[in-house]
Amino acid sequence: MQQWRATLLRQLYPRESIINAVTNNERKRALNLTRKITQNAIDSVCKELAAKFQEEASLLLDGDPASIAHDLTAILRVAASISMDLWTQKRRFELYPFHKLPSSKYGKCGGMIEAHPLHNGQLDDEPQALHNKPILLVAHPAFLAYGNNSGTDYSVSRVLKKAVVWMGFDT
């Protein structure tokens, strides 16, 4: 299902590099038009969300309403842009919080985790000091990518950011 949505988004919002690589002028115009229409829809939604947020939080926001609306819209456009960039890639991304880690013990999650810097004292003295200790908290989840640029090999994962974890003592 996710692949289908990503493929649809790629069709509705083609990347600039794809548009520039097309040699057929009619196809290039169609891709530019599709991208422009999608961008206009995104802008419209961002303005609407900013206005709704400003209306709901009017008592909490202090300042010029026009400036606040402009700033909120700009923030939402950045968030929408990041979201579109992630969803239109041919890779699939996934977060791994505590419940998705392959093991609840330190040292058994392959290359997916690293100890929180507060554990450095223990690990400097004895590198295996925390091995097999229970993971109590995931301070930052792991971030993995599946697939490649051509949209294949979704069974192969690559760790982009390791989970940062705190360990406890065996009970």
N, C-alpha and C. Protein backbone atom coordinates (compact mmCIF):
# COMPACT_ATOMS: atom_id res chain seq x y z
N MET A 1 0.83 -1.20 0.00
CA MET A 1 0.00 0.00 0.00
C MET A 1 0.86 1.25 0.00
N GLN A 2 1.92 1.27 0.85
CA GLN A 2 2.79 2.44 0.91
C GLN A 2 3.47 2.68 -0.43
N GLN A 3 3.92 1.60 -1.09
CA GLN A 3 4.57 1.74 -2.38
C GLN A 3 3.63 2.37 -3.39
N TRP A 4 2.36 1.97 -3.38
CA TRP A 4 1.37 2.50 -4.30
C TRP A 4 1.19 4.00 -4.09
N ARG A 5 1.09 4.43 -2.79
CA ARG A 5 0.93 5.85 -2.49
C ARG A 5 2.16 6.65 -2.93
N ALA A 6 3.34 6.11 -2.68
CA ALA A 6 4.57 6.80 -3.06
C ALA A 6 4.65 6.93 -4.57
N THR A 7 4.26 5.89 -5.30
CA THR A 7 4.28 5.94 -6.76
C THR A 7 3.31 7.01 -7.26
N LEU A 8 2.14 7.08 -6.67
CA LEU A 8 1.16 8.09 -7.06
C LEU A 8 1.69 9.49 -6.78
N LEU A 9 2.29 9.68 -5.61
CA LEU A 9 2.86 11.00 -5.30
C LEU A 9 3.98 11.38 -6.25
N ARG A 10 4.80 10.40 -6.65
CA ARG A 10 5.86 10.68 -7.62
C ARG A 10 5.28 11.14 -8.94
N GLN A 11 4.12 10.60 -9.31
CA GLN A 11 3.47 11.01 -10.56
C GLN A 11 2.88 12.41 -10.45
N LEU A 12 2.32 12.73 -9.27
CA LEU A 12 1.69 14.03 -9.08
C LEU A 12 2.70 15.14 -8.78
N TYR A 13 3.86 14.77 -8.26
CA TYR A 13 4.84 15.76 -7.86
C TYR A 13 6.24 15.30 -8.31
N PRO A 14 6.47 15.28 -9.63
CA PRO A 14 7.76 14.78 -10.12
C PRO A 14 8.91 15.70 -9.69
N ARG A 15 10.04 15.09 -9.43
CA ARG A 15 11.23 15.85 -9.02
C ARG A 15 11.73 16.70 -10.18
N GLU A 16 12.38 17.81 -9.82
CA GLU A 16 12.95 18.72 -10.83
C GLU A 16 13.93 17.98 -11.74
N SER A 17 14.74 17.09 -11.15
CA SER A 17 15.74 16.36 -11.93
C SER A 17 15.07 15.47 -12.99
N ILE A 18 13.92 14.90 -12.65
CA ILE A 18 13.18 14.07 -13.62
C ILE A 18 12.66 14.94 -14.75
N ILE A 19 12.09 16.09 -14.39
CA ILE A 19 11.55 17.00 -15.40
C ILE A 19 12.66 17.47 -16.33
N ASN A 20 13.80 17.83 -15.77
CA ASN A 20 14.91 18.33 -16.58
C ASN A 20 15.50 17.25 -17.48
N ALA A 21 15.38 15.98 -17.08
CA ALA A 21 15.93 14.88 -17.89
C ALA A 21 15.05 14.53 -19.08
N VAL A 22 13.79 14.95 -19.06
CA VAL A 22 12.87 14.63 -20.16
C VAL A 22 13.22 15.48 -21.37
N THR A 23 13.29 14.83 -22.53
CA THR A 23 13.65 15.55 -23.76
C THR A 23 12.42 15.96 -24.57
N ASN A 24 11.32 15.27 -24.41
CA ASN A 24 10.10 15.58 -25.13
C ASN A 24 9.46 16.82 -24.49
N ASN A 25 9.35 17.92 -25.25
CA ASN A 25 8.83 19.19 -24.72
C ASN A 25 7.40 19.09 -24.23
N GLU A 26 6.57 18.31 -24.93
CA GLU A 26 5.17 18.16 -24.50
C GLU A 26 5.10 17.44 -23.16
N ARG A 27 5.91 16.39 -23.00
CA ARG A 27 5.96 15.65 -21.73
C ARG A 27 6.50 16.54 -20.62
N LYS A 28 7.51 17.36 -20.94
CA LYS A 28 8.11 18.26 -19.95
C LYS A 28 7.08 19.28 -19.47
N ARG A 29 6.29 19.83 -20.40
CA ARG A 29 5.23 20.78 -20.02
C ARG A 29 4.19 20.12 -19.12
N ALA A 30 3.81 18.89 -19.46
CA ALA A 30 2.82 18.16 -18.65
C ALA A 30 3.36 17.91 -17.24
N LEU A 31 4.63 17.51 -17.12
CA LEU A 31 5.22 17.28 -15.81
C LEU A 31 5.31 18.57 -15.00
N ASN A 32 5.71 19.66 -15.66
CA ASN A 32 5.78 20.96 -14.97
C ASN A 32 4.41 21.41 -14.50
N LEU A 33 3.40 21.21 -15.33
CA LEU A 33 2.04 21.59 -14.96
C LEU A 33 1.55 20.76 -13.78
N THR A 34 1.80 19.46 -13.82
CA THR A 34 1.40 18.58 -12.72
C THR A 34 2.07 19.01 -11.42
N ARG A 35 3.37 19.28 -11.50
CA ARG A 35 4.11 19.71 -10.31
C ARG A 35 3.56 21.03 -9.78
N LYS A 36 3.27 21.98 -10.69
CA LYS A 36 2.75 23.29 -10.28
C LYS A 36 1.37 23.17 -9.63
N ILE A 37 0.51 22.35 -10.19
CA ILE A 37 -0.84 22.16 -9.63
C ILE A 37 -0.74 21.54 -8.24
N THR A 38 0.13 20.55 -8.09
CA THR A 38 0.31 19.91 -6.78
C THR A 38 0.87 20.91 -5.78
N GLN A 39 1.85 21.72 -6.20
CA GLN A 39 2.43 22.72 -5.31
C GLN A 39 1.38 23.75 -4.89
N ASN A 40 0.53 24.16 -5.82
CA ASN A 40 -0.54 25.10 -5.48
C ASN A 40 -1.50 24.49 -4.46
N ALA A 41 -1.80 23.21 -4.60
CA ALA A 41 -2.68 22.54 -3.64
C ALA A 41 -2.02 22.48 -2.27
N ILE A 42 -0.72 22.19 -2.24
CA ILE A 42 0.02 22.16 -0.97
C ILE A 42 0.00 23.55 -0.32
N ASP A 43 0.26 24.59 -1.12
CA ASP A 43 0.25 25.96 -0.59
C ASP A 43 -1.12 26.32 -0.02
N SER A 44 -2.17 25.92 -0.72
CA SER A 44 -3.53 26.22 -0.27
C SER A 44 -3.81 25.53 1.08
N VAL A 45 -3.42 24.27 1.19
CA VAL A 45 -3.63 23.54 2.45
C VAL A 45 -2.82 24.16 3.57
N CYS A 46 -1.57 24.56 3.29
CA CYS A 46 -0.73 25.19 4.32
C CYS A 46 -1.36 26.49 4.82
N LYS A 47 -1.87 27.30 3.91
CA LYS A 47 -2.53 28.55 4.31
C LYS A 47 -3.76 28.27 5.16
N GLU A 48 -4.54 27.28 4.75
CA GLU A 48 -5.75 26.92 5.48
C GLU A 48 -5.42 26.40 6.88
N LEU A 49 -4.41 25.54 6.98
CA LEU A 49 -4.00 25.01 8.29
C LEU A 49 -3.46 26.12 9.19
N ALA A 50 -2.68 27.03 8.62
CA ALA A 50 -2.14 28.15 9.41
C ALA A 50 -3.27 29.03 9.94
N ALA A 51 -4.25 29.31 9.09
CA ALA A 51 -5.38 30.14 9.51
C ALA A 51 -6.19 29.44 10.61
N LYS A 52 -6.39 28.14 10.46
CA LYS A 52 -7.14 27.38 11.47
C LYS A 52 -6.38 27.35 12.79
N PHE A 53 -5.07 27.12 12.73
CA PHE A 53 -4.26 27.11 13.94
C PHE A 53 -4.28 28.48 14.61
N GLN A 54 -4.14 29.53 13.81
CA GLN A 54 -4.14 30.89 14.35
C GLN A 54 -5.49 31.21 14.99
N GLU A 55 -6.55 30.77 14.38
CA GLU A 55 -7.90 31.00 14.93
C GLU A 55 -8.07 30.27 16.26
N GLU A 56 -7.60 29.00 16.32
CA GLU A 56 -7.75 28.19 17.52
C GLU A 56 -6.86 28.67 18.66
N ALA A 57 -5.68 29.18 18.32
CA ALA A 57 -4.70 29.57 19.33
C ALA A 57 -4.54 31.08 19.43
N SER A 58 -5.56 31.81 19.06
CA SER A 58 -5.46 33.27 19.01
C SER A 58 -5.11 33.90 20.37
N LEU A 59 -5.55 33.29 21.45
CA LEU A 59 -5.25 33.83 22.77
C LEU A 59 -3.79 33.59 23.17
N LEU A 60 -3.16 32.60 22.56
CA LEU A 60 -1.79 32.26 22.90
C LEU A 60 -0.76 33.00 22.04
N LEU A 61 -1.19 33.51 20.90
CA LEU A 61 -0.28 34.16 19.97
C LEU A 61 -0.32 35.67 20.17
N ASP A 62 0.85 36.24 20.32
CA ASP A 62 0.95 37.68 20.53
C ASP A 62 1.74 38.29 19.37
N GLY A 63 1.19 39.31 18.75
CA GLY A 63 1.88 39.98 17.66
C GLY A 63 0.92 40.32 16.54
N ASP A 64 1.51 40.76 15.46
CA ASP A 64 0.76 41.14 14.28
C ASP A 64 0.14 39.90 13.63
N PRO A 65 -1.19 39.84 13.51
CA PRO A 65 -1.84 38.64 12.95
C PRO A 65 -1.35 38.29 11.54
N ALA A 66 -1.09 39.29 10.71
CA ALA A 66 -0.62 39.01 9.34
C ALA A 66 0.76 38.38 9.37
N SER A 67 1.62 38.88 10.25
CA SER A 67 2.97 38.34 10.38
C SER A 67 2.94 36.92 10.92
N ILE A 68 2.07 36.69 11.90
CA ILE A 68 1.93 35.35 12.47
C ILE A 68 1.43 34.38 11.41
N ALA A 69 0.43 34.78 10.63
CA ALA A 69 -0.11 33.92 9.57
C ALA A 69 0.98 33.59 8.54
N HIS A 70 1.77 34.60 8.18
CA HIS A 70 2.86 34.39 7.21
C HIS A 70 3.89 33.40 7.76
N ASP A 71 4.29 33.57 9.02
CA ASP A 71 5.29 32.70 9.64
C ASP A 71 4.77 31.26 9.79
N LEU A 72 3.52 31.12 10.23
CA LEU A 72 2.93 29.79 10.36
C LEU A 72 2.86 29.08 9.01
N THR A 73 2.45 29.81 7.98
CA THR A 73 2.37 29.24 6.64
C THR A 73 3.75 28.80 6.16
N ALA A 74 4.76 29.61 6.44
CA ALA A 74 6.14 29.26 6.03
C ALA A 74 6.60 27.99 6.72
N ILE A 75 6.31 27.85 8.01
CA ILE A 75 6.68 26.64 8.75
C ILE A 75 5.97 25.42 8.16
N LEU A 76 4.69 25.55 7.88
CA LEU A 76 3.93 24.43 7.32
C LEU A 76 4.42 24.07 5.92
N ARG A 77 4.83 25.06 5.13
CA ARG A 77 5.37 24.78 3.79
C ARG A 77 6.67 23.98 3.88
N VAL A 78 7.53 24.33 4.84
CA VAL A 78 8.78 23.58 5.02
C VAL A 78 8.46 22.14 5.42
N ALA A 79 7.53 21.97 6.36
CA ALA A 79 7.15 20.62 6.79
C ALA A 79 6.55 19.83 5.62
N ALA A 80 5.71 20.47 4.83
CA ALA A 80 5.11 19.80 3.67
C ALA A 80 6.17 19.43 2.64
N SER A 81 7.12 20.30 2.45
CA SER A 81 8.20 20.04 1.49
C SER A 81 9.04 18.84 1.92
N ILE A 82 9.38 18.78 3.20
CA ILE A 82 10.15 17.64 3.72
C ILE A 82 9.33 16.36 3.57
N SER A 83 8.05 16.44 3.90
CA SER A 83 7.19 15.27 3.79
C SER A 83 7.10 14.79 2.34
N MET A 84 6.92 15.71 1.41
CA MET A 84 6.85 15.33 -0.01
C MET A 84 8.17 14.73 -0.48
N ASP A 85 9.28 15.31 -0.05
CA ASP A 85 10.58 14.77 -0.46
C ASP A 85 10.77 13.35 0.05
N LEU A 86 10.33 13.09 1.28
CA LEU A 86 10.46 11.74 1.82
C LEU A 86 9.52 10.76 1.12
N TRP A 87 8.27 11.16 0.92
CA TRP A 87 7.29 10.25 0.33
C TRP A 87 7.50 10.00 -1.15
N THR A 88 8.16 10.91 -1.85
CA THR A 88 8.35 10.71 -3.28
C THR A 88 9.67 10.02 -3.61
N GLN A 89 10.45 9.69 -2.61
CA GLN A 89 11.65 8.91 -2.87
C GLN A 89 11.26 7.46 -3.09
N LYS A 90 12.12 6.75 -3.78
CA LYS A 90 11.82 5.35 -4.06
C LYS A 90 12.23 4.45 -2.91
N ARG A 91 12.82 5.02 -1.90
CA ARG A 91 13.14 4.25 -0.71
C ARG A 91 11.97 4.35 0.27
N ARG A 92 11.94 3.42 1.20
CA ARG A 92 10.96 3.46 2.28
C ARG A 92 11.73 3.70 3.57
N PHE A 93 11.24 4.59 4.40
CA PHE A 93 11.90 4.93 5.65
C PHE A 93 11.05 4.46 6.82
N GLU A 94 11.74 4.06 7.89
CA GLU A 94 11.01 3.58 9.05
C GLU A 94 11.76 3.92 10.33
N LEU A 95 11.00 4.35 11.34
CA LEU A 95 11.56 4.60 12.67
C LEU A 95 11.44 3.32 13.49
N TYR A 96 12.44 3.08 14.33
CA TYR A 96 12.43 1.93 15.22
C TYR A 96 12.50 2.40 16.66
N PRO A 97 11.34 2.65 17.29
CA PRO A 97 11.34 2.97 18.72
C PRO A 97 11.55 1.68 19.52
N PHE A 98 11.42 1.76 20.81
CA PHE A 98 11.72 0.63 21.70
C PHE A 98 11.01 -0.66 21.29
N HIS A 99 9.72 -0.60 21.05
CA HIS A 99 8.95 -1.83 20.79
C HIS A 99 9.29 -2.49 19.46
N LYS A 100 9.99 -1.78 18.56
CA LYS A 100 10.35 -2.37 17.26
C LYS A 100 11.79 -2.87 17.21
N LEU A 101 12.58 -2.61 18.25
CA LEU A 101 13.96 -3.08 18.24
C LEU A 101 13.98 -4.61 18.24
N PRO A 102 14.95 -5.21 17.54
CA PRO A 102 14.99 -6.68 17.47
C PRO A 102 15.23 -7.37 18.82
N SER A 103 15.79 -6.66 19.79
CA SER A 103 16.03 -7.25 21.10
C SER A 103 15.91 -6.16 22.16
N SER A 104 15.60 -6.56 23.38
CA SER A 104 15.53 -5.60 24.48
C SER A 104 16.81 -5.61 25.30
N LYS A 105 17.85 -6.25 24.77
CA LYS A 105 19.15 -6.32 25.45
C LYS A 105 20.20 -5.58 24.62
N TYR A 106 21.08 -4.87 25.32
CA TYR A 106 22.16 -4.13 24.65
C TYR A 106 23.15 -5.14 24.06
N GLY A 107 23.58 -4.88 22.84
CA GLY A 107 24.56 -5.74 22.19
C GLY A 107 23.94 -6.81 21.32
N LYS A 108 22.60 -6.90 21.30
CA LYS A 108 21.94 -7.94 20.51
C LYS A 108 21.10 -7.36 19.38
N CYS A 109 21.29 -6.07 19.07
CA CYS A 109 20.49 -5.43 18.02
C CYS A 109 21.32 -5.14 16.77
N GLY A 110 22.42 -5.84 16.62
CA GLY A 110 23.26 -5.60 15.46
C GLY A 110 23.81 -4.18 15.48
N GLY A 111 23.80 -3.52 14.37
CA GLY A 111 24.31 -2.15 14.28
C GLY A 111 23.24 -1.10 14.41
N MET A 112 22.12 -1.45 15.06
CA MET A 112 20.99 -0.52 15.15
C MET A 112 21.04 0.41 16.36
N ILE A 113 21.84 0.10 17.36
CA ILE A 113 21.80 0.90 18.58
C ILE A 113 23.19 1.34 19.00
N GLU A 114 23.22 2.40 19.78
CA GLU A 114 24.45 2.85 20.44
C GLU A 114 24.07 3.35 21.82
N ALA A 115 25.01 3.24 22.74
CA ALA A 115 24.76 3.66 24.11
C ALA A 115 24.68 5.18 24.19
N HIS A 116 23.84 5.66 25.08
CA HIS A 116 23.75 7.10 25.33
C HIS A 116 25.10 7.58 25.85
N PRO A 117 25.51 8.82 25.53
CA PRO A 117 26.81 9.33 25.98
C PRO A 117 27.01 9.27 27.50
N LEU A 118 25.94 9.25 28.28
CA LEU A 118 26.10 9.14 29.73
C LEU A 118 26.69 7.79 30.15
N HIS A 119 26.66 6.80 29.27
CA HIS A 119 27.26 5.50 29.54
C HIS A 119 28.74 5.45 29.16
N ASN A 120 29.28 6.52 28.59
CA ASN A 120 30.66 6.50 28.10
C ASN A 120 31.67 6.15 29.19
N GLY A 121 31.45 6.61 30.40
CA GLY A 121 32.37 6.29 31.50
C GLY A 121 32.48 4.80 31.71
N GLN A 122 31.34 4.12 31.74
CA GLN A 122 31.32 2.66 31.91
C GLN A 122 31.99 1.96 30.72
N LEU A 123 31.68 2.42 29.51
CA LEU A 123 32.20 1.76 28.32
C LEU A 123 33.69 2.05 28.10
N ASP A 124 34.17 3.22 28.56
CA ASP A 124 35.59 3.53 28.44
C ASP A 124 36.41 2.59 29.32
N ASP A 125 35.91 2.31 30.52
CA ASP A 125 36.61 1.41 31.44
C ASP A 125 36.55 -0.04 30.96
N GLU A 126 35.37 -0.45 30.52
CA GLU A 126 35.17 -1.85 30.08
C GLU A 126 34.19 -1.84 28.89
N PRO A 127 34.67 -2.02 27.65
CA PRO A 127 33.81 -1.95 26.47
C PRO A 127 32.62 -2.90 26.50
N GLN A 128 32.72 -4.01 27.21
CA GLN A 128 31.62 -4.99 27.27
C GLN A 128 30.77 -4.84 28.53
N ALA A 129 30.95 -3.75 29.28
CA ALA A 129 30.27 -3.58 30.57
C ALA A 129 28.75 -3.63 30.45
N LEU A 130 28.21 -3.16 29.37
CA LEU A 130 26.75 -3.10 29.23
C LEU A 130 26.18 -4.23 28.38
N HIS A 131 27.03 -5.12 27.90
CA HIS A 131 26.59 -6.22 27.05
C HIS A 131 25.53 -7.06 27.77
N ASN A 132 24.42 -7.30 27.10
CA ASN A 132 23.28 -8.06 27.61
C ASN A 132 22.51 -7.37 28.73
N LYS A 133 22.79 -6.10 29.00
CA LYS A 133 22.00 -5.34 29.98
C LYS A 133 20.68 -4.96 29.32
N PRO A 134 19.59 -4.92 30.08
CA PRO A 134 18.30 -4.55 29.48
C PRO A 134 18.28 -3.08 29.05
N ILE A 135 17.67 -2.83 27.91
CA ILE A 135 17.48 -1.47 27.42
C ILE A 135 16.26 -0.91 28.14
N LEU A 136 16.45 0.20 28.86
CA LEU A 136 15.35 0.80 29.61
C LEU A 136 14.64 1.90 28.85
N LEU A 137 15.43 2.63 28.03
CA LEU A 137 14.86 3.81 27.37
C LEU A 137 15.54 4.02 26.04
N VAL A 138 14.74 4.36 25.04
CA VAL A 138 15.28 4.76 23.74
C VAL A 138 15.17 6.28 23.68
N ALA A 139 16.32 6.96 23.80
CA ALA A 139 16.32 8.43 23.78
C ALA A 139 16.04 8.96 22.37
N HIS A 140 16.54 8.27 21.37
CA HIS A 140 16.29 8.59 19.96
C HIS A 140 16.08 7.27 19.23
N PRO A 141 15.00 7.14 18.45
CA PRO A 141 14.76 5.88 17.75
C PRO A 141 15.75 5.69 16.59
N ALA A 142 15.90 4.45 16.16
CA ALA A 142 16.70 4.17 14.98
C ALA A 142 15.91 4.60 13.75
N PHE A 143 16.63 4.99 12.71
CA PHE A 143 16.00 5.43 11.46
C PHE A 143 16.62 4.61 10.34
N LEU A 144 15.81 3.77 9.69
CA LEU A 144 16.29 2.86 8.66
C LEU A 144 15.67 3.18 7.31
N ALA A 145 16.42 2.89 6.26
CA ALA A 145 15.93 3.04 4.89
C ALA A 145 15.88 1.65 4.25
N TYR A 146 14.83 1.40 3.48
CA TYR A 146 14.68 0.15 2.75
C TYR A 146 14.60 0.48 1.27
N GLY A 147 15.25 -0.34 0.45
CA GLY A 147 15.22 -0.14 -0.99
C GLY A 147 16.39 0.69 -1.47
N ASN A 148 16.40 0.93 -2.78
CA ASN A 148 17.47 1.73 -3.38
C ASN A 148 16.87 2.78 -4.32
N ASN A 149 17.72 3.50 -5.02
CA ASN A 149 17.26 4.59 -5.90
C ASN A 149 16.36 4.12 -7.03
N SER A 150 16.51 2.87 -7.44
CA SER A 150 15.70 2.38 -8.55
C SER A 150 14.39 1.74 -8.07
N GLY A 151 14.15 1.75 -6.77
CA GLY A 151 12.88 1.24 -6.24
C GLY A 151 12.85 -0.27 -6.14
N THR A 152 14.00 -0.89 -5.90
CA THR A 152 14.06 -2.34 -5.72
C THR A 152 14.78 -2.64 -4.40
N ASP A 153 14.91 -3.91 -4.07
CA ASP A 153 15.61 -4.37 -2.86
C ASP A 153 14.99 -3.82 -1.58
N TYR A 154 13.67 -3.89 -1.46
CA TYR A 154 13.01 -3.41 -0.25
C TYR A 154 13.22 -4.34 0.94
N SER A 155 13.80 -5.51 0.69
CA SER A 155 14.09 -6.42 1.81
C SER A 155 15.42 -6.08 2.48
N VAL A 156 16.22 -5.23 1.86
CA VAL A 156 17.52 -4.86 2.40
C VAL A 156 17.39 -3.51 3.11
N SER A 157 17.81 -3.48 4.38
CA SER A 157 17.73 -2.23 5.15
C SER A 157 19.11 -1.62 5.33
N ARG A 158 19.11 -0.32 5.55
CA ARG A 158 20.35 0.40 5.85
C ARG A 158 20.06 1.34 7.01
N VAL A 159 20.89 1.29 8.05
CA VAL A 159 20.70 2.13 9.22
C VAL A 159 21.23 3.53 8.89
N LEU A 160 20.34 4.51 8.90
CA LEU A 160 20.74 5.90 8.65
C LEU A 160 21.13 6.59 9.95
N LYS A 161 20.43 6.24 11.04
CA LYS A 161 20.71 6.82 12.36
C LYS A 161 20.45 5.73 13.39
N LYS A 162 21.46 5.43 14.18
CA LYS A 162 21.30 4.40 15.22
C LYS A 162 20.42 4.91 16.36
N ALA A 163 19.73 3.99 16.99
CA ALA A 163 18.96 4.32 18.19
C ALA A 163 19.93 4.61 19.32
N VAL A 164 19.65 5.65 20.10
CA VAL A 164 20.46 5.97 21.27
C VAL A 164 19.68 5.47 22.49
N VAL A 165 20.33 4.57 23.27
CA VAL A 165 19.61 3.87 24.34
C VAL A 165 20.30 4.02 25.70
N TRP A 166 19.50 3.89 26.75
CA TRP A 166 19.99 3.83 28.14
C TRP A 166 19.76 2.42 28.63
N MET A 167 20.74 1.92 29.34
CA MET A 167 20.63 0.58 29.89
C MET A 167 20.45 0.63 31.40
N GLY A 168 19.91 -0.48 31.92
CA GLY A 168 19.72 -0.61 33.36
C GLY A 168 20.47 -1.82 33.86
N PHE A 169 20.11 -2.26 35.02
CA PHE A 169 20.76 -3.41 35.64
C PHE A 169 19.86 -4.60 35.55
N ASP A 170 20.46 -5.79 35.48
CA ASP A 170 19.65 -7.02 35.50
C ASP A 170 18.97 -7.15 36.86
N THR A 171 17.76 -7.64 36.85
CA THR A 171 17.05 -7.83 38.12
C THR A 171 16.92 -9.30 38.44
